[in-house]
Amino acid sequence: MRLPEADLAIIDRAAALRGRSRTDFVRDAAVRAAEDVLMETAPIRMTAAGFEAFVAALSGPATSAPEIVELSQRAAPWETGDSDAERAEAWRSPAPNR
């Protein structure tokens, strides 16, 4: 495969950051990209009963995920007015009960 020097430089830099050879890095990236394409085009097959259950699940009332609700109630690090260290710690810690 022939690539421009600028592309090779980017690939080499990224490969080095991962501790991989150029060949390994490019092979892994190409395989991941190929898998993505194949998954995008793979048909989903299910029985009629399975499809009915799927449609019923989508048609039912939505339920909230407590973890997502809690995360959405946290203040963003840039909104707290604290120091960088305090913002980082607040972002990692669970939000107080509200």
PDB file of N, CA and C in Angstrom:
ATOM      1  N   MET A   1       0.852  -1.167   0.000  1.00  0.00           N
ATOM      2  CA  MET A   1       0.000   0.000   0.000  1.00  0.00           C
ATOM      3  C   MET A   1       0.899   1.231   0.000  1.00  0.00           C
ATOM      4  N   ARG A   2       0.664   2.122  -0.912  1.00  0.00           N
ATOM      5  CA  ARG A   2       1.457   3.356  -1.000  1.00  0.00           C
ATOM      6  C   ARG A   2       0.656   4.506  -0.410  1.00  0.00           C
ATOM      7  N   LEU A   3       1.294   5.226   0.499  1.00  0.00           N
ATOM      8  CA  LEU A   3       0.636   6.348   1.168  1.00  0.00           C
ATOM      9  C   LEU A   3       1.544   7.556   1.144  1.00  0.00           C
ATOM     10  N   PRO A   4       0.956   8.754   1.164  1.00  0.00           N
ATOM     11  CA  PRO A   4       1.774   9.975   1.237  1.00  0.00           C
ATOM     12  C   PRO A   4       2.562  10.000   2.553  1.00  0.00           C
ATOM     13  N   GLU A   5       3.700  10.654   2.525  1.00  0.00           N
ATOM     14  CA  GLU A   5       4.557  10.749   3.709  1.00  0.00           C
ATOM     15  C   GLU A   5       3.813  11.349   4.902  1.00  0.00           C
ATOM     16  N   ALA A   6       2.939  12.324   4.651  1.00  0.00           N
ATOM     17  CA  ALA A   6       2.192  12.941   5.755  1.00  0.00           C
ATOM     18  C   ALA A   6       1.294  11.907   6.434  1.00  0.00           C
ATOM     19  N   ASP A   7       0.642  11.051   5.646  1.00  0.00           N
ATOM     20  CA  ASP A   7      -0.210  10.005   6.221  1.00  0.00           C
ATOM     21  C   ASP A   7       0.630   9.010   7.015  1.00  0.00           C
ATOM     22  N   LEU A   8       1.769   8.626   6.462  1.00  0.00           N
ATOM     23  CA  LEU A   8       2.641   7.689   7.170  1.00  0.00           C
ATOM     24  C   LEU A   8       3.132   8.275   8.493  1.00  0.00           C
ATOM     25  N   ALA A   9       3.420   9.568   8.500  1.00  0.00           N
ATOM     26  CA  ALA A   9       3.882  10.209   9.727  1.00  0.00           C
ATOM     27  C   ALA A   9       2.800  10.163  10.807  1.00  0.00           C
ATOM     28  N   ILE A  10       1.560  10.414  10.424  1.00  0.00           N
ATOM     29  CA  ILE A  10       0.447  10.356  11.384  1.00  0.00           C
ATOM     30  C   ILE A  10       0.274   8.928  11.895  1.00  0.00           C
ATOM     31  N   ILE A  11       0.290   7.970  10.987  1.00  0.00           N
ATOM     32  CA  ILE A  11       0.128   6.569  11.369  1.00  0.00           C
ATOM     33  C   ILE A  11       1.263   6.135  12.290  1.00  0.00           C
ATOM     34  N   ASP A  12       2.488   6.497  11.936  1.00  0.00           N
ATOM     35  CA  ASP A  12       3.638   6.122  12.766  1.00  0.00           C
ATOM     36  C   ASP A  12       3.550   6.733  14.155  1.00  0.00           C
ATOM     37  N   ARG A  13       3.111   7.971  14.228  1.00  0.00           N
ATOM     38  CA  ARG A  13       2.988   8.637  15.534  1.00  0.00           C
ATOM     39  C   ARG A  13       1.940   7.925  16.396  1.00  0.00           C
ATOM     40  N   ALA A  14       0.791   7.630  15.807  1.00  0.00           N
ATOM     41  CA  ALA A  14      -0.264   6.952  16.553  1.00  0.00           C
ATOM     42  C   ALA A  14       0.169   5.541  16.954  1.00  0.00           C
ATOM     43  N   ALA A  15       0.815   4.830  16.044  1.00  0.00           N
ATOM     44  CA  ALA A  15       1.295   3.474  16.342  1.00  0.00           C
ATOM     45  C   ALA A  15       2.298   3.502  17.492  1.00  0.00           C
ATOM     46  N   ALA A  16       3.182   4.470  17.482  1.00  0.00           N
ATOM     47  CA  ALA A  16       4.177   4.586  18.547  1.00  0.00           C
ATOM     48  C   ALA A  16       3.505   4.861  19.891  1.00  0.00           C
ATOM     49  N   LEU A  17       2.465   5.689  19.887  1.00  0.00           N
ATOM     50  CA  LEU A  17       1.750   5.977  21.128  1.00  0.00           C
ATOM     51  C   LEU A  17       1.091   4.727  21.698  1.00  0.00           C
ATOM     52  N   ARG A  18       0.739   3.799  20.842  1.00  0.00           N
ATOM     53  CA  ARG A  18       0.132   2.531  21.262  1.00  0.00           C
ATOM     54  C   ARG A  18       1.163   1.427  21.471  1.00  0.00           C
ATOM     55  N   GLY A  19       2.419   1.734  21.164  1.00  0.00           N
ATOM     56  CA  GLY A  19       3.464   0.733  21.311  1.00  0.00           C
ATOM     57  C   GLY A  19       3.344  -0.382  20.289  1.00  0.00           C
ATOM     58  N   ARG A  20       2.884  -0.046  19.101  1.00  0.00           N
ATOM     59  CA  ARG A  20       2.655  -1.037  18.053  1.00  0.00           C
ATOM     60  C   ARG A  20       3.498  -0.697  16.839  1.00  0.00           C
ATOM     61  N   SER A  21       3.704  -1.678  15.982  1.00  0.00           N
ATOM     62  CA  SER A  21       4.372  -1.410  14.711  1.00  0.00           C
ATOM     63  C   SER A  21       3.355  -0.786  13.760  1.00  0.00           C
ATOM     64  N   ARG A  22       3.858  -0.155  12.717  1.00  0.00           N
ATOM     65  CA  ARG A  22       2.960   0.419  11.717  1.00  0.00           C
ATOM     66  C   ARG A  22       2.052  -0.659  11.136  1.00  0.00           C
ATOM     67  N   THR A  23       2.629  -1.815  10.815  1.00  0.00           N
ATOM     68  CA  THR A  23       1.855  -2.899  10.220  1.00  0.00           C
ATOM     69  C   THR A  23       0.728  -3.350  11.143  1.00  0.00           C
ATOM     70  N   ASP A  24       1.044  -3.591  12.410  1.00  0.00           N
ATOM     71  CA  ASP A  24       0.017  -4.015  13.364  1.00  0.00           C
ATOM     72  C   ASP A  24      -1.059  -2.955  13.529  1.00  0.00           C
ATOM     73  N   PHE A  25      -0.633  -1.705  13.633  1.00  0.00           N
ATOM     74  CA  PHE A  25      -1.584  -0.615  13.826  1.00  0.00           C
ATOM     75  C   PHE A  25      -2.532  -0.500  12.641  1.00  0.00           C
ATOM     76  N   VAL A  26      -1.988  -0.528  11.429  1.00  0.00           N
ATOM     77  CA  VAL A  26      -2.812  -0.390  10.222  1.00  0.00           C
ATOM     78  C   VAL A  26      -3.717  -1.607  10.056  1.00  0.00           C
ATOM     79  N   ARG A  27      -3.187  -2.802  10.309  1.00  0.00           N
ATOM     80  CA  ARG A  27      -4.010  -4.014  10.189  1.00  0.00           C
ATOM     81  C   ARG A  27      -5.194  -3.948  11.151  1.00  0.00           C
ATOM     82  N   ASP A  28      -4.941  -3.599  12.417  1.00  0.00           N
ATOM     83  CA  ASP A  28      -6.022  -3.519  13.393  1.00  0.00           C
ATOM     84  C   ASP A  28      -7.060  -2.465  13.005  1.00  0.00           C
ATOM     85  N   ALA A  29      -6.598  -1.312  12.548  1.00  0.00           N
ATOM     86  CA  ALA A  29      -7.526  -0.255  12.139  1.00  0.00           C
ATOM     87  C   ALA A  29      -8.363  -0.688  10.939  1.00  0.00           C
ATOM     88  N   ALA A  30      -7.729  -1.364   9.995  1.00  0.00           N
ATOM     89  CA  ALA A  30      -8.454  -1.829   8.803  1.00  0.00           C
ATOM     90  C   ALA A  30      -9.475  -2.893   9.168  1.00  0.00           C
ATOM     91  N   VAL A  31      -9.113  -3.807  10.050  1.00  0.00           N
ATOM     92  CA  VAL A  31     -10.059  -4.860  10.465  1.00  0.00           C
ATOM     93  C   VAL A  31     -11.244  -4.240  11.201  1.00  0.00           C
ATOM     94  N   ARG A  32     -10.978  -3.280  12.108  1.00  0.00           N
ATOM     95  CA  ARG A  32     -12.088  -2.616  12.819  1.00  0.00           C
ATOM     96  C   ARG A  32     -13.007  -1.905  11.845  1.00  0.00           C
ATOM     97  N   ALA A  33     -12.438  -1.209  10.867  1.00  0.00           N
ATOM     98  CA  ALA A  33     -13.254  -0.501   9.877  1.00  0.00           C
ATOM     99  C   ALA A  33     -14.079  -1.489   9.055  1.00  0.00           C
ATOM    100  N   ALA A  34     -13.471  -2.603   8.678  1.00  0.00           N
ATOM    101  CA  ALA A  34     -14.195  -3.618   7.911  1.00  0.00           C
ATOM    102  C   ALA A  34     -15.330  -4.214   8.742  1.00  0.00           C
ATOM    103  N   GLU A  35     -15.083  -4.490  10.010  1.00  0.00           N
ATOM    104  CA  GLU A  35     -16.133  -5.019  10.872  1.00  0.00           C
ATOM    105  C   GLU A  35     -17.285  -4.038  11.008  1.00  0.00           C
ATOM    106  N   ASP A  36     -16.970  -2.744  11.123  1.00  0.00           N
ATOM    107  CA  ASP A  36     -18.023  -1.723  11.208  1.00  0.00           C
ATOM    108  C   ASP A  36     -18.904  -1.749   9.970  1.00  0.00           C
ATOM    109  N   VAL A  37     -18.276  -1.796   8.801  1.00  0.00           N
ATOM    110  CA  VAL A  37     -19.041  -1.811   7.547  1.00  0.00           C
ATOM    111  C   VAL A  37     -19.918  -3.054   7.489  1.00  0.00           C
ATOM    112  N   LEU A  38     -19.359  -4.204   7.836  1.00  0.00           N
ATOM    113  CA  LEU A  38     -20.133  -5.443   7.792  1.00  0.00           C
ATOM    114  C   LEU A  38     -21.297  -5.415   8.774  1.00  0.00           C
ATOM    115  N   MET A  39     -21.080  -4.857   9.957  1.00  0.00           N
ATOM    116  CA  MET A  39     -22.166  -4.780  10.939  1.00  0.00           C
ATOM    117  C   MET A  39     -23.262  -3.823  10.492  1.00  0.00           C
ATOM    118  N   GLU A  40     -22.897  -2.768   9.769  1.00  0.00           N
ATOM    119  CA  GLU A  40     -23.895  -1.818   9.272  1.00  0.00           C
ATOM    120  C   GLU A  40     -24.800  -2.446   8.224  1.00  0.00           C
ATOM    121  N   THR A  41     -24.295  -3.430   7.522  1.00  0.00           N
ATOM    122  CA  THR A  41     -25.060  -4.006   6.426  1.00  0.00           C
ATOM    123  C   THR A  41     -25.613  -5.391   6.733  1.00  0.00           C
ATOM    124  N   ALA A  42     -25.337  -5.912   7.922  1.00  0.00           N
ATOM    125  CA  ALA A  42     -25.808  -7.250   8.281  1.00  0.00           C
ATOM    126  C   ALA A  42     -27.296  -7.201   8.614  1.00  0.00           C
ATOM    127  N   PRO A  43     -28.085  -8.071   8.004  1.00  0.00           N
ATOM    128  CA  PRO A  43     -29.514  -8.086   8.338  1.00  0.00           C
ATOM    129  C   PRO A  43     -29.728  -8.652   9.739  1.00  0.00           C
ATOM    130  N   ILE A  44     -30.751  -8.181  10.382  1.00  0.00           N
ATOM    131  CA  ILE A  44     -31.127  -8.702  11.693  1.00  0.00           C
ATOM    132  C   ILE A  44     -32.295  -9.649  11.466  1.00  0.00           C
ATOM    133  N   ARG A  45     -32.120 -10.876  11.870  1.00  0.00           N
ATOM    134  CA  ARG A  45     -33.155 -11.884  11.665  1.00  0.00           C
ATOM    135  C   ARG A  45     -33.750 -12.264  13.016  1.00  0.00           C
ATOM    136  N   MET A  46     -35.093 -12.419  13.022  1.00  0.00           N
ATOM    137  CA  MET A  46     -35.767 -12.886  14.232  1.00  0.00           C
ATOM    138  C   MET A  46     -37.081 -13.533  13.848  1.00  0.00           C
ATOM    139  N   THR A  47     -37.589 -14.308  14.751  1.00  0.00           N
ATOM    140  CA  THR A  47     -38.869 -14.976  14.517  1.00  0.00           C
ATOM    141  C   THR A  47     -39.990 -13.950  14.607  1.00  0.00           C
ATOM    142  N   ALA A  48     -41.161 -14.343  14.171  1.00  0.00           N
ATOM    143  CA  ALA A  48     -42.328 -13.455  14.269  1.00  0.00           C
ATOM    144  C   ALA A  48     -42.607 -13.120  15.732  1.00  0.00           C
ATOM    145  N   ALA A  49     -42.493 -14.118  16.612  1.00  0.00           N
ATOM    146  CA  ALA A  49     -42.716 -13.873  18.040  1.00  0.00           C
ATOM    147  C   ALA A  49     -41.646 -12.939  18.598  1.00  0.00           C
ATOM    148  N   GLY A  50     -40.430 -13.129  18.174  1.00  0.00           N
ATOM    149  CA  GLY A  50     -39.356 -12.244  18.610  1.00  0.00           C
ATOM    150  C   GLY A  50     -39.577 -10.822  18.146  1.00  0.00           C
ATOM    151  N   PHE A  51     -40.053 -10.651  16.905  1.00  0.00           N
ATOM    152  CA  PHE A  51     -40.335  -9.317  16.379  1.00  0.00           C
ATOM    153  C   PHE A  51     -41.471  -8.659  17.157  1.00  0.00           C
ATOM    154  N   GLU A  52     -42.491  -9.429  17.473  1.00  0.00           N
ATOM    155  CA  GLU A  52     -43.612  -8.883  18.256  1.00  0.00           C
ATOM    156  C   GLU A  52     -43.127  -8.420  19.632  1.00  0.00           C
ATOM    157  N   ALA A  53     -42.269  -9.205  20.263  1.00  0.00           N
ATOM    158  CA  ALA A  53     -41.719  -8.816  21.567  1.00  0.00           C
ATOM    159  C   ALA A  53     -40.869  -7.547  21.439  1.00  0.00           C
ATOM    160  N   PHE A  54     -40.114  -7.450  20.356  1.00  0.00           N
ATOM    161  CA  PHE A  54     -39.282  -6.268  20.102  1.00  0.00           C
ATOM    162  C   PHE A  54     -40.152  -5.032  19.935  1.00  0.00           C
ATOM    163  N   VAL A  55     -41.194  -5.132  19.127  1.00  0.00           N
ATOM    164  CA  VAL A  55     -42.098  -4.001  18.896  1.00  0.00           C
ATOM    165  C   VAL A  55     -42.803  -3.622  20.197  1.00  0.00           C
ATOM    166  N   ALA A  56     -43.205  -4.616  20.989  1.00  0.00           N
ATOM    167  CA  ALA A  56     -43.869  -4.331  22.264  1.00  0.00           C
ATOM    168  C   ALA A  56     -42.931  -3.574  23.203  1.00  0.00           C
ATOM    169  N   ALA A  57     -41.670  -3.971  23.227  1.00  0.00           N
ATOM    170  CA  ALA A  57     -40.698  -3.286  24.086  1.00  0.00           C
ATOM    171  C   ALA A  57     -40.510  -1.842  23.645  1.00  0.00           C
ATOM    172  N   LEU A  58     -40.491  -1.605  22.341  1.00  0.00           N
ATOM    173  CA  LEU A  58     -40.333  -0.232  21.836  1.00  0.00           C
ATOM    174  C   LEU A  58     -41.592   0.599  22.038  1.00  0.00           C
ATOM    175  N   SER A  59     -42.738  -0.051  22.007  1.00  0.00           N
ATOM    176  CA  SER A  59     -44.013   0.657  22.117  1.00  0.00           C
ATOM    177  C   SER A  59     -44.414   0.942  23.554  1.00  0.00           C
ATOM    178  N   GLY A  60     -43.822   0.260  24.499  1.00  0.00           N
ATOM    179  CA  GLY A  60     -44.176   0.440  25.904  1.00  0.00           C
ATOM    180  C   GLY A  60     -43.689   1.766  26.443  1.00  0.00           C
ATOM    181  N   PRO A  61     -44.088   2.062  27.665  1.00  0.00           N
ATOM    182  CA  PRO A  61     -43.646   3.334  28.271  1.00  0.00           C
ATOM    183  C   PRO A  61     -42.133   3.320  28.511  1.00  0.00           C
ATOM    184  N   ALA A  62     -41.557   4.482  28.376  1.00  0.00           N
ATOM    185  CA  ALA A  62     -40.110   4.620  28.603  1.00  0.00           C
ATOM    186  C   ALA A  62     -39.832   4.534  30.099  1.00  0.00           C
ATOM    187  N   THR A  63     -38.691   3.967  30.430  1.00  0.00           N
ATOM    188  CA  THR A  63     -38.261   3.924  31.824  1.00  0.00           C
ATOM    189  C   THR A  63     -36.922   4.646  31.918  1.00  0.00           C
ATOM    190  N   SER A  64     -36.727   5.300  33.035  1.00  0.00           N
ATOM    191  CA  SER A  64     -35.470   6.035  33.193  1.00  0.00           C
ATOM    192  C   SER A  64     -34.400   5.124  33.781  1.00  0.00           C
ATOM    193  N   ALA A  65     -33.179   5.417  33.414  1.00  0.00           N
ATOM    194  CA  ALA A  65     -32.031   4.719  33.979  1.00  0.00           C
ATOM    195  C   ALA A  65     -31.469   5.611  35.080  1.00  0.00           C
ATOM    196  N   PRO A  66     -31.477   5.155  36.338  1.00  0.00           N
ATOM    197  CA  PRO A  66     -31.023   6.015  37.446  1.00  0.00           C
ATOM    198  C   PRO A  66     -29.631   6.589  37.233  1.00  0.00           C
ATOM    199  N   GLU A  67     -28.729   5.810  36.626  1.00  0.00           N
ATOM    200  CA  GLU A  67     -27.366   6.301  36.409  1.00  0.00           C
ATOM    201  C   GLU A  67     -27.345   7.489  35.449  1.00  0.00           C
ATOM    202  N   ILE A  68     -28.186   7.432  34.432  1.00  0.00           N
ATOM    203  CA  ILE A  68     -28.237   8.537  33.466  1.00  0.00           C
ATOM    204  C   ILE A  68     -28.875   9.768  34.099  1.00  0.00           C
ATOM    205  N   VAL A  69     -29.916   9.566  34.891  1.00  0.00           N
ATOM    206  CA  VAL A  69     -30.554  10.690  35.581  1.00  0.00           C
ATOM    207  C   VAL A  69     -29.545  11.364  36.505  1.00  0.00           C
ATOM    208  N   GLU A  70     -28.817  10.565  37.290  1.00  0.00           N
ATOM    209  CA  GLU A  70     -27.822  11.119  38.209  1.00  0.00           C
ATOM    210  C   GLU A  70     -26.743  11.877  37.451  1.00  0.00           C
ATOM    211  N   LEU A  71     -26.275  11.317  36.360  1.00  0.00           N
ATOM    212  CA  LEU A  71     -25.233  11.961  35.571  1.00  0.00           C
ATOM    213  C   LEU A  71     -25.722  13.289  34.997  1.00  0.00           C
ATOM    214  N   SER A  72     -26.958  13.328  34.560  1.00  0.00           N
ATOM    215  CA  SER A  72     -27.485  14.564  33.969  1.00  0.00           C
ATOM    216  C   SER A  72     -27.688  15.656  35.011  1.00  0.00           C
ATOM    217  N   GLN A  73     -27.726  15.294  36.287  1.00  0.00           N
ATOM    218  CA  GLN A  73     -27.917  16.289  37.340  1.00  0.00           C
ATOM    219  C   GLN A  73     -26.606  16.843  37.879  1.00  0.00           C
ATOM    220  N   ARG A  74     -25.480  16.287  37.470  1.00  0.00           N
ATOM    221  CA  ARG A  74     -24.187  16.800  37.906  1.00  0.00           C
ATOM    222  C   ARG A  74     -23.885  18.125  37.217  1.00  0.00           C
ATOM    223  N   ALA A  75     -23.221  18.994  37.941  1.00  0.00           N
ATOM    224  CA  ALA A  75     -22.742  20.224  37.322  1.00  0.00           C
ATOM    225  C   ALA A  75     -21.533  19.889  36.459  1.00  0.00           C
ATOM    226  N   ALA A  76     -21.464  20.500  35.304  1.00  0.00           N
ATOM    227  CA  ALA A  76     -20.298  20.312  34.449  1.00  0.00           C
ATOM    228  C   ALA A  76     -19.086  20.953  35.116  1.00  0.00           C
ATOM    229  N   PRO A  77     -17.888  20.416  34.898  1.00  0.00           N
ATOM    230  CA  PRO A  77     -16.696  20.967  35.557  1.00  0.00           C
ATOM    231  C   PRO A  77     -16.505  22.458  35.314  1.00  0.00           C
ATOM    232  N   TRP A  78     -16.878  22.940  34.163  1.00  0.00           N
ATOM    233  CA  TRP A  78     -16.659  24.351  33.850  1.00  0.00           C
ATOM    234  C   TRP A  78     -17.757  25.245  34.435  1.00  0.00           C
ATOM    235  N   GLU A  79     -18.767  24.673  35.070  1.00  0.00           N
ATOM    236  CA  GLU A  79     -19.859  25.464  35.629  1.00  0.00           C
ATOM    237  C   GLU A  79     -19.765  25.640  37.142  1.00  0.00           C
ATOM    238  N   THR A  80     -18.807  25.011  37.815  1.00  0.00           N
ATOM    239  CA  THR A  80     -18.783  25.032  39.277  1.00  0.00           C
ATOM    240  C   THR A  80     -18.044  26.219  39.863  1.00  0.00           C
ATOM    241  N   GLY A  81     -17.122  26.809  39.111  1.00  0.00           N
ATOM    242  CA  GLY A  81     -16.335  27.918  39.637  1.00  0.00           C
ATOM    243  C   GLY A  81     -15.222  27.477  40.562  1.00  0.00           C
ATOM    244  N   ASP A  82     -14.999  26.165  40.707  1.00  0.00           N
ATOM    245  CA  ASP A  82     -13.945  25.641  41.574  1.00  0.00           C
ATOM    246  C   ASP A  82     -12.619  25.604  40.818  1.00  0.00           C
ATOM    247  N   SER A  83     -11.567  25.218  41.537  1.00  0.00           N
ATOM    248  CA  SER A  83     -10.263  25.061  40.911  1.00  0.00           C
ATOM    249  C   SER A  83     -10.301  23.849  39.984  1.00  0.00           C
ATOM    250  N   ASP A  84      -9.280  23.708  39.151  1.00  0.00           N
ATOM    251  CA  ASP A  84      -9.215  22.566  38.231  1.00  0.00           C
ATOM    252  C   ASP A  84      -9.263  21.249  38.989  1.00  0.00           C
ATOM    253  N   ALA A  85      -8.522  21.139  40.087  1.00  0.00           N
ATOM    254  CA  ALA A  85      -8.486  19.896  40.861  1.00  0.00           C
ATOM    255  C   ALA A  85      -9.853  19.611  41.480  1.00  0.00           C
ATOM    256  N   GLU A  86     -10.499  20.642  42.013  1.00  0.00           N
ATOM    257  CA  GLU A  86     -11.825  20.454  42.613  1.00  0.00           C
ATOM    258  C   GLU A  86     -12.852  20.063  41.560  1.00  0.00           C
ATOM    259  N   ARG A  87     -12.765  20.669  40.377  1.00  0.00           N
ATOM    260  CA  ARG A  87     -13.697  20.319  39.294  1.00  0.00           C
ATOM    261  C   ARG A  87     -13.493  18.883  38.860  1.00  0.00           C
ATOM    262  N   ALA A  88     -12.244  18.467  38.727  1.00  0.00           N
ATOM    263  CA  ALA A  88     -11.960  17.094  38.307  1.00  0.00           C
ATOM    264  C   ALA A  88     -12.491  16.106  39.331  1.00  0.00           C
ATOM    265  N   GLU A  89     -12.287  16.397  40.607  1.00  0.00           N
ATOM    266  CA  GLU A  89     -12.770  15.497  41.662  1.00  0.00           C
ATOM    267  C   GLU A  89     -14.295  15.466  41.685  1.00  0.00           C
ATOM    268  N   ALA A  90     -14.927  16.607  41.529  1.00  0.00           N
ATOM    269  CA  ALA A  90     -16.391  16.656  41.526  1.00  0.00           C
ATOM    270  C   ALA A  90     -16.955  15.869  40.357  1.00  0.00           C
ATOM    271  N   TRP A  91     -16.291  15.911  39.240  1.00  0.00           N
ATOM    272  CA  TRP A  91     -16.768  15.199  38.053  1.00  0.00           C
ATOM    273  C   TRP A  91     -16.659  13.694  38.255  1.00  0.00           C
ATOM    274  N   ARG A  92     -15.632  13.236  38.964  1.00  0.00           N
ATOM    275  CA  ARG A  92     -15.447  11.814  39.201  1.00  0.00           C
ATOM    276  C   ARG A  92     -16.349  11.291  40.307  1.00  0.00           C
ATOM    277  N   SER A  93     -16.744  12.142  41.241  1.00  0.00           N
ATOM    278  CA  SER A  93     -17.534  11.701  42.387  1.00  0.00           C
ATOM    279  C   SER A  93     -19.015  11.706  42.052  1.00  0.00           C
ATOM    280  N   PRO A  94     -19.773  10.820  42.701  1.00  0.00           N
ATOM    281  CA  PRO A  94     -21.226  10.832  42.475  1.00  0.00           C
ATOM    282  C   PRO A  94     -21.811  12.150  42.946  1.00  0.00           C
ATOM    283  N   ALA A  95     -22.880  12.570  42.306  1.00  0.00           N
ATOM    284  CA  ALA A  95     -23.550  13.806  42.689  1.00  0.00           C
ATOM    285  C   ALA A  95     -24.230  13.596  44.044  1.00  0.00           C
ATOM    286  N   PRO A  96     -24.322  14.641  44.836  1.00  0.00           N
ATOM    287  CA  PRO A  96     -25.020  14.506  46.116  1.00  0.00           C
ATOM    288  C   PRO A  96     -26.499  14.219  45.876  1.00  0.00           C
ATOM    289  N   ASN A  97     -27.124  13.573  46.846  1.00  0.00           N
ATOM    290  CA  ASN A  97     -28.564  13.294  46.716  1.00  0.00           C
ATOM    291  C   ASN A  97     -29.322  14.589  46.642  1.00  0.00           C
ATOM    292  N   ARG A  98     -30.258  14.631  45.765  1.00  0.00           N
ATOM    293  CA  ARG A  98     -31.028  15.874  45.577  1.00  0.00           C
ATOM    294  C   ARG A  98     -32.435  15.670  46.051  1.00  0.00           C
TER     295      ARG A  98
END
